[in-house]
Amino acid sequence: MQKSSAMTFPEKLKAQRKRLGLTQAELAALLEVPARTHWEWEAGKTTPYAITQEGALARLTKAKRLPKE
């Protein structure tokens, strides 16, 4: 059997986080969700509704690295 080459939501989320150079907690703050929720999404433990997935990924695609405070 051949594995699909399409990225899953957790893979896309992690890739965008790494592109931005953010920690999971920083990305959670950017998406305005609890850190635990973001961790569960990235770990594949839970999955947000499709509309939430699209919105989160759209926000991250437009995002730039946040300045350190």
N, C-alpha and C. Protein backbone atom coordinates (compact mmCIF):
# COMPACT_ATOMS: atom_id res chain seq x y z
N MET A 1 0.82 -1.18 0.00
CA MET A 1 0.00 0.00 0.00
C MET A 1 0.87 1.25 0.00
N GLN A 2 0.44 2.25 -0.73
CA GLN A 2 1.21 3.47 -0.83
C GLN A 2 0.65 4.51 0.14
N LYS A 3 1.53 5.18 0.84
CA LYS A 3 1.12 6.22 1.78
C LYS A 3 0.84 7.51 1.02
N SER A 4 -0.22 8.19 1.42
CA SER A 4 -0.58 9.46 0.80
C SER A 4 0.50 10.51 1.09
N SER A 5 0.79 11.34 0.09
CA SER A 5 1.81 12.37 0.26
C SER A 5 1.22 13.67 0.82
N ALA A 6 -0.10 13.71 0.95
CA ALA A 6 -0.74 14.92 1.49
C ALA A 6 -0.44 15.03 2.98
N MET A 7 -0.11 16.25 3.40
CA MET A 7 0.18 16.49 4.81
C MET A 7 -1.11 16.52 5.62
N THR A 8 -1.04 15.99 6.82
CA THR A 8 -2.17 16.05 7.73
C THR A 8 -2.20 17.43 8.40
N PHE A 9 -3.30 17.74 9.06
CA PHE A 9 -3.38 19.01 9.77
C PHE A 9 -2.28 19.14 10.82
N PRO A 10 -2.02 18.11 11.66
CA PRO A 10 -0.92 18.25 12.62
C PRO A 10 0.43 18.52 11.94
N GLU A 11 0.69 17.89 10.82
CA GLU A 11 1.95 18.11 10.10
C GLU A 11 2.03 19.53 9.55
N LYS A 12 0.92 20.03 9.01
CA LYS A 12 0.89 21.39 8.48
C LYS A 12 1.09 22.41 9.60
N LEU A 13 0.42 22.17 10.73
CA LEU A 13 0.53 23.07 11.87
C LEU A 13 1.96 23.15 12.38
N LYS A 14 2.59 21.99 12.51
CA LYS A 14 3.97 21.95 13.00
C LYS A 14 4.92 22.61 11.99
N ALA A 15 4.71 22.36 10.71
CA ALA A 15 5.57 22.96 9.68
C ALA A 15 5.46 24.49 9.71
N GLN A 16 4.25 25.01 9.86
CA GLN A 16 4.08 26.46 9.92
C GLN A 16 4.71 27.02 11.18
N ARG A 17 4.57 26.31 12.30
CA ARG A 17 5.18 26.77 13.55
C ARG A 17 6.69 26.85 13.42
N LYS A 18 7.28 25.81 12.83
CA LYS A 18 8.74 25.80 12.65
C LYS A 18 9.18 26.89 11.68
N ARG A 19 8.41 27.12 10.62
CA ARG A 19 8.72 28.18 9.66
C ARG A 19 8.78 29.53 10.36
N LEU A 20 7.87 29.72 11.30
CA LEU A 20 7.82 30.99 12.03
C LEU A 20 8.81 31.05 13.18
N GLY A 21 9.42 29.93 13.52
CA GLY A 21 10.38 29.90 14.61
C GLY A 21 9.74 30.08 15.97
N LEU A 22 8.52 29.58 16.13
CA LEU A 22 7.78 29.75 17.38
C LEU A 22 7.73 28.46 18.19
N THR A 23 7.58 28.62 19.50
CA THR A 23 7.32 27.47 20.36
C THR A 23 5.84 27.14 20.25
N GLN A 24 5.46 25.99 20.79
CA GLN A 24 4.04 25.63 20.79
C GLN A 24 3.23 26.66 21.58
N ALA A 25 3.76 27.12 22.71
CA ALA A 25 3.05 28.11 23.53
C ALA A 25 2.89 29.43 22.78
N GLU A 26 3.92 29.86 22.06
CA GLU A 26 3.85 31.10 21.29
C GLU A 26 2.82 30.98 20.16
N LEU A 27 2.79 29.83 19.51
CA LEU A 27 1.83 29.64 18.43
C LEU A 27 0.42 29.60 18.98
N ALA A 28 0.23 28.97 20.13
CA ALA A 28 -1.09 28.94 20.76
C ALA A 28 -1.57 30.36 21.03
N ALA A 29 -0.67 31.21 21.52
CA ALA A 29 -1.02 32.61 21.79
C ALA A 29 -1.40 33.32 20.50
N LEU A 30 -0.66 33.07 19.43
CA LEU A 30 -0.95 33.69 18.14
C LEU A 30 -2.33 33.27 17.63
N LEU A 31 -2.68 32.00 17.84
CA LEU A 31 -3.98 31.49 17.38
C LEU A 31 -5.10 31.73 18.39
N GLU A 32 -4.72 32.30 19.54
CA GLU A 32 -5.68 32.60 20.60
C GLU A 32 -6.42 31.35 21.08
N VAL A 33 -5.64 30.28 21.31
CA VAL A 33 -6.17 29.05 21.90
C VAL A 33 -5.28 28.67 23.08
N PRO A 34 -5.81 27.90 24.03
CA PRO A 34 -4.96 27.44 25.13
C PRO A 34 -3.79 26.61 24.61
N ALA A 35 -2.66 26.69 25.29
CA ALA A 35 -1.47 25.93 24.88
C ALA A 35 -1.78 24.44 24.80
N ARG A 36 -2.56 23.94 25.73
CA ARG A 36 -2.92 22.52 25.75
C ARG A 36 -3.69 22.14 24.47
N THR A 37 -4.58 23.01 24.05
CA THR A 37 -5.35 22.75 22.82
C THR A 37 -4.41 22.67 21.63
N HIS A 38 -3.49 23.62 21.53
CA HIS A 38 -2.55 23.57 20.41
C HIS A 38 -1.72 22.30 20.45
N TRP A 39 -1.24 21.92 21.63
CA TRP A 39 -0.45 20.70 21.76
C TRP A 39 -1.25 19.50 21.28
N GLU A 40 -2.51 19.41 21.67
CA GLU A 40 -3.36 18.29 21.26
C GLU A 40 -3.55 18.28 19.74
N TRP A 41 -3.69 19.45 19.12
CA TRP A 41 -3.82 19.51 17.67
C TRP A 41 -2.54 19.02 17.00
N GLU A 42 -1.40 19.53 17.46
CA GLU A 42 -0.13 19.19 16.82
C GLU A 42 0.23 17.72 17.04
N ALA A 43 -0.16 17.18 18.18
CA ALA A 43 0.12 15.77 18.49
C ALA A 43 -0.89 14.83 17.82
N GLY A 44 -1.93 15.38 17.22
CA GLY A 44 -2.94 14.55 16.58
C GLY A 44 -3.90 13.92 17.57
N LYS A 45 -3.91 14.42 18.81
CA LYS A 45 -4.81 13.87 19.84
C LYS A 45 -6.24 14.32 19.61
N THR A 46 -6.41 15.57 19.19
CA THR A 46 -7.73 16.09 18.85
C THR A 46 -7.59 16.87 17.54
N THR A 47 -8.71 17.07 16.89
CA THR A 47 -8.71 17.79 15.62
C THR A 47 -9.81 18.84 15.67
N PRO A 48 -9.47 20.09 15.37
CA PRO A 48 -10.53 21.10 15.34
C PRO A 48 -11.42 20.89 14.12
N TYR A 49 -12.58 21.53 14.16
CA TYR A 49 -13.45 21.48 12.98
C TYR A 49 -12.70 21.95 11.75
N ALA A 50 -13.10 21.49 10.60
CA ALA A 50 -12.42 21.83 9.34
C ALA A 50 -12.33 23.34 9.15
N ILE A 51 -13.40 24.06 9.47
CA ILE A 51 -13.37 25.51 9.29
C ILE A 51 -12.32 26.15 10.18
N THR A 52 -12.14 25.62 11.38
CA THR A 52 -11.11 26.11 12.29
C THR A 52 -9.73 25.80 11.75
N GLN A 53 -9.56 24.60 11.20
CA GLN A 53 -8.27 24.21 10.61
C GLN A 53 -7.90 25.18 9.50
N GLU A 54 -8.83 25.44 8.61
CA GLU A 54 -8.57 26.35 7.48
C GLU A 54 -8.22 27.75 7.97
N GLY A 55 -8.96 28.23 8.96
CA GLY A 55 -8.71 29.56 9.50
C GLY A 55 -7.35 29.66 10.18
N ALA A 56 -7.00 28.64 10.95
CA ALA A 56 -5.71 28.64 11.65
C ALA A 56 -4.57 28.62 10.65
N LEU A 57 -4.66 27.75 9.66
CA LEU A 57 -3.59 27.67 8.67
C LEU A 57 -3.50 28.94 7.83
N ALA A 58 -4.64 29.56 7.53
CA ALA A 58 -4.62 30.82 6.77
C ALA A 58 -3.93 31.91 7.58
N ARG A 59 -4.21 31.98 8.87
CA ARG A 59 -3.56 32.98 9.72
C ARG A 59 -2.06 32.77 9.76
N LEU A 60 -1.65 31.51 9.86
CA LEU A 60 -0.22 31.21 9.96
C LEU A 60 0.50 31.48 8.64
N THR A 61 -0.16 31.24 7.53
CA THR A 61 0.44 31.49 6.23
C THR A 61 0.79 32.97 6.08
N LYS A 62 -0.05 33.84 6.63
CA LYS A 62 0.17 35.29 6.54
C LYS A 62 1.08 35.81 7.63
N ALA A 63 1.31 35.03 8.68
CA ALA A 63 2.05 35.49 9.85
C ALA A 63 3.55 35.59 9.57
N LYS A 64 4.14 36.48 10.30
CA LYS A 64 5.59 36.63 10.30
C LYS A 64 6.07 36.37 11.71
N ARG A 65 7.33 36.18 11.86
CA ARG A 65 7.91 35.91 13.18
C ARG A 65 7.56 37.02 14.16
N LEU A 66 7.09 36.64 15.34
CA LEU A 66 6.77 37.63 16.37
C LEU A 66 8.04 38.08 17.06
N PRO A 67 8.15 39.37 17.38
CA PRO A 67 9.34 39.84 18.10
C PRO A 67 9.33 39.31 19.52
N LYS A 68 10.51 38.99 20.05
CA LYS A 68 10.65 38.54 21.44
C LYS A 68 10.47 39.74 22.34
N GLU A 69 9.78 39.52 23.45
CA GLU A 69 9.58 40.61 24.42
C GLU A 69 10.54 40.46 25.56
